[in-house]
N, C-alpha and C. Protein backbone atom coordinates (compact mmCIF):
# COMPACT_ATOMS: atom_id res chain seq x y z
N MET A 1 211.80 111.54 159.54
CA MET A 1 210.75 111.03 158.69
C MET A 1 210.97 111.49 157.26
N GLY A 2 210.49 110.71 156.33
CA GLY A 2 210.66 111.01 154.92
C GLY A 2 209.60 111.95 154.38
N GLN A 3 209.60 112.09 153.09
CA GLN A 3 208.64 112.94 152.41
C GLN A 3 207.24 112.35 152.55
N LYS A 4 206.24 113.21 152.68
CA LYS A 4 204.85 112.77 152.81
C LYS A 4 204.32 112.32 151.45
N LYS A 5 203.50 111.27 151.48
CA LYS A 5 202.94 110.72 150.26
C LYS A 5 201.48 110.37 150.53
N VAL A 6 200.63 110.54 149.53
CA VAL A 6 199.21 110.22 149.67
C VAL A 6 199.05 108.71 149.73
N PHE A 7 198.20 108.26 150.66
CA PHE A 7 197.94 106.84 150.85
C PHE A 7 196.45 106.70 151.13
N SER A 8 195.77 105.88 150.36
CA SER A 8 194.34 105.72 150.61
C SER A 8 194.01 104.27 150.89
N THR A 9 193.01 104.08 151.72
CA THR A 9 192.56 102.74 152.08
C THR A 9 191.12 102.83 152.58
N ARG A 10 190.51 101.70 152.77
CA ARG A 10 189.15 101.67 153.30
C ARG A 10 189.21 101.42 154.80
N VAL A 11 188.41 102.19 155.53
CA VAL A 11 188.36 102.06 156.99
C VAL A 11 186.89 102.02 157.41
N ASP A 12 186.61 101.21 158.41
CA ASP A 12 185.25 101.10 158.94
C ASP A 12 184.71 102.49 159.30
N GLU A 13 183.47 102.74 158.92
CA GLU A 13 182.84 104.05 159.12
C GLU A 13 182.86 104.49 160.58
N ASP A 14 182.60 103.57 161.49
CA ASP A 14 182.59 103.92 162.92
C ASP A 14 183.98 104.30 163.42
N ARG A 15 185.02 103.64 162.89
CA ARG A 15 186.40 103.98 163.28
C ARG A 15 186.75 105.38 162.80
N ILE A 16 186.28 105.74 161.60
CA ILE A 16 186.53 107.09 161.08
C ILE A 16 185.87 108.14 161.97
N LYS A 17 184.63 107.88 162.36
CA LYS A 17 183.93 108.82 163.25
C LYS A 17 184.69 108.98 164.56
N ASP A 18 185.12 107.84 165.13
CA ASP A 18 185.87 107.88 166.40
C ASP A 18 187.15 108.69 166.23
N LEU A 19 187.83 108.47 165.11
CA LEU A 19 189.08 109.17 164.85
C LEU A 19 188.86 110.66 164.69
N LYS A 20 187.81 111.04 164.00
CA LYS A 20 187.50 112.47 163.82
C LYS A 20 187.19 113.13 165.16
N HIS A 21 186.45 112.44 166.02
CA HIS A 21 186.16 112.98 167.35
C HIS A 21 187.45 113.13 168.16
N LEU A 22 188.32 112.14 168.07
CA LEU A 22 189.59 112.21 168.78
C LEU A 22 190.42 113.38 168.28
N ALA A 23 190.42 113.60 166.98
CA ALA A 23 191.17 114.73 166.41
C ALA A 23 190.67 116.05 166.96
N VAL A 24 189.35 116.21 167.03
CA VAL A 24 188.77 117.44 167.57
C VAL A 24 189.11 117.58 169.05
N ASP A 25 188.94 116.48 169.80
CA ASP A 25 189.18 116.51 171.25
C ASP A 25 190.63 116.82 171.59
N THR A 26 191.56 116.36 170.75
CA THR A 26 192.98 116.57 171.04
C THR A 26 193.58 117.75 170.30
N GLY A 27 192.81 118.34 169.37
CA GLY A 27 193.32 119.48 168.60
C GLY A 27 194.40 119.08 167.61
N ARG A 28 194.37 117.84 167.17
CA ARG A 28 195.37 117.34 166.22
C ARG A 28 194.68 116.97 164.92
N SER A 29 195.46 116.84 163.87
CA SER A 29 194.88 116.47 162.57
C SER A 29 194.72 114.95 162.49
N LEU A 30 193.85 114.53 161.57
CA LEU A 30 193.67 113.10 161.33
C LEU A 30 194.99 112.47 160.88
N GLY A 31 195.70 113.18 160.03
CA GLY A 31 196.99 112.68 159.55
C GLY A 31 197.99 112.45 160.67
N ASP A 32 198.05 113.40 161.61
CA ASP A 32 198.96 113.25 162.76
C ASP A 32 198.59 112.01 163.58
N LEU A 33 197.29 111.84 163.83
CA LEU A 33 196.84 110.69 164.61
C LEU A 33 197.13 109.38 163.89
N LEU A 34 196.91 109.35 162.59
CA LEU A 34 197.18 108.13 161.82
C LEU A 34 198.67 107.81 161.80
N GLU A 35 199.52 108.83 161.64
CA GLU A 35 200.96 108.58 161.66
C GLU A 35 201.40 108.03 163.01
N GLU A 36 200.86 108.57 164.09
CA GLU A 36 201.19 108.06 165.42
C GLU A 36 200.76 106.60 165.56
N ALA A 37 199.56 106.29 165.08
CA ALA A 37 199.05 104.92 165.17
C ALA A 37 199.91 103.96 164.36
N ILE A 38 200.35 104.39 163.18
CA ILE A 38 201.20 103.55 162.34
C ILE A 38 202.54 103.31 163.02
N GLN A 39 203.11 104.36 163.59
CA GLN A 39 204.39 104.20 164.29
C GLN A 39 204.25 103.23 165.46
N ASP A 40 203.16 103.35 166.22
CA ASP A 40 202.93 102.45 167.35
C ASP A 40 202.78 101.01 166.88
N LEU A 41 202.06 100.80 165.79
CA LEU A 41 201.85 99.46 165.25
C LEU A 41 203.16 98.85 164.77
N LEU A 42 203.96 99.63 164.07
CA LEU A 42 205.25 99.14 163.60
C LEU A 42 206.17 98.79 164.76
N ALA A 43 206.16 99.60 165.80
CA ALA A 43 206.98 99.32 166.99
C ALA A 43 206.49 98.04 167.68
N LYS A 44 205.20 97.85 167.71
CA LYS A 44 204.62 96.66 168.36
C LYS A 44 205.08 95.38 167.67
N TYR A 45 205.15 95.38 166.36
CA TYR A 45 205.47 94.18 165.61
C TYR A 45 206.94 94.06 165.21
N LYS A 46 207.73 95.05 165.60
CA LYS A 46 209.15 95.00 165.27
C LYS A 46 209.80 93.88 166.07
N THR A 47 210.54 93.05 165.37
CA THR A 47 211.20 91.94 166.07
C THR A 47 212.55 92.39 166.59
N PRO A 48 212.89 91.94 167.79
CA PRO A 48 214.19 92.34 168.32
C PRO A 48 215.32 91.71 167.51
N PRO A 49 216.48 92.37 167.48
CA PRO A 49 217.60 91.81 166.72
C PRO A 49 218.00 90.44 167.29
N LYS A 50 218.38 89.54 166.39
CA LYS A 50 218.79 88.19 166.82
C LYS A 50 220.16 88.26 167.45
N ARG A 51 220.31 87.55 168.55
CA ARG A 51 221.62 87.49 169.24
C ARG A 51 222.42 86.33 168.66
N GLU A 52 223.69 86.56 168.53
CA GLU A 52 224.55 85.50 167.97
C GLU A 52 225.31 84.80 169.06
């Protein structure tokens, strides 16, 4: 992974509450959970290489 950079966006208030509860329940930081979610989303939408 590369260097960490600040990134801000707007998120639904209820999703933030859910995420904070998950962070407490799992003993992980919000940043760790968000990075995992981003990686999962990118993997989900990654297109397989085209076959020739």
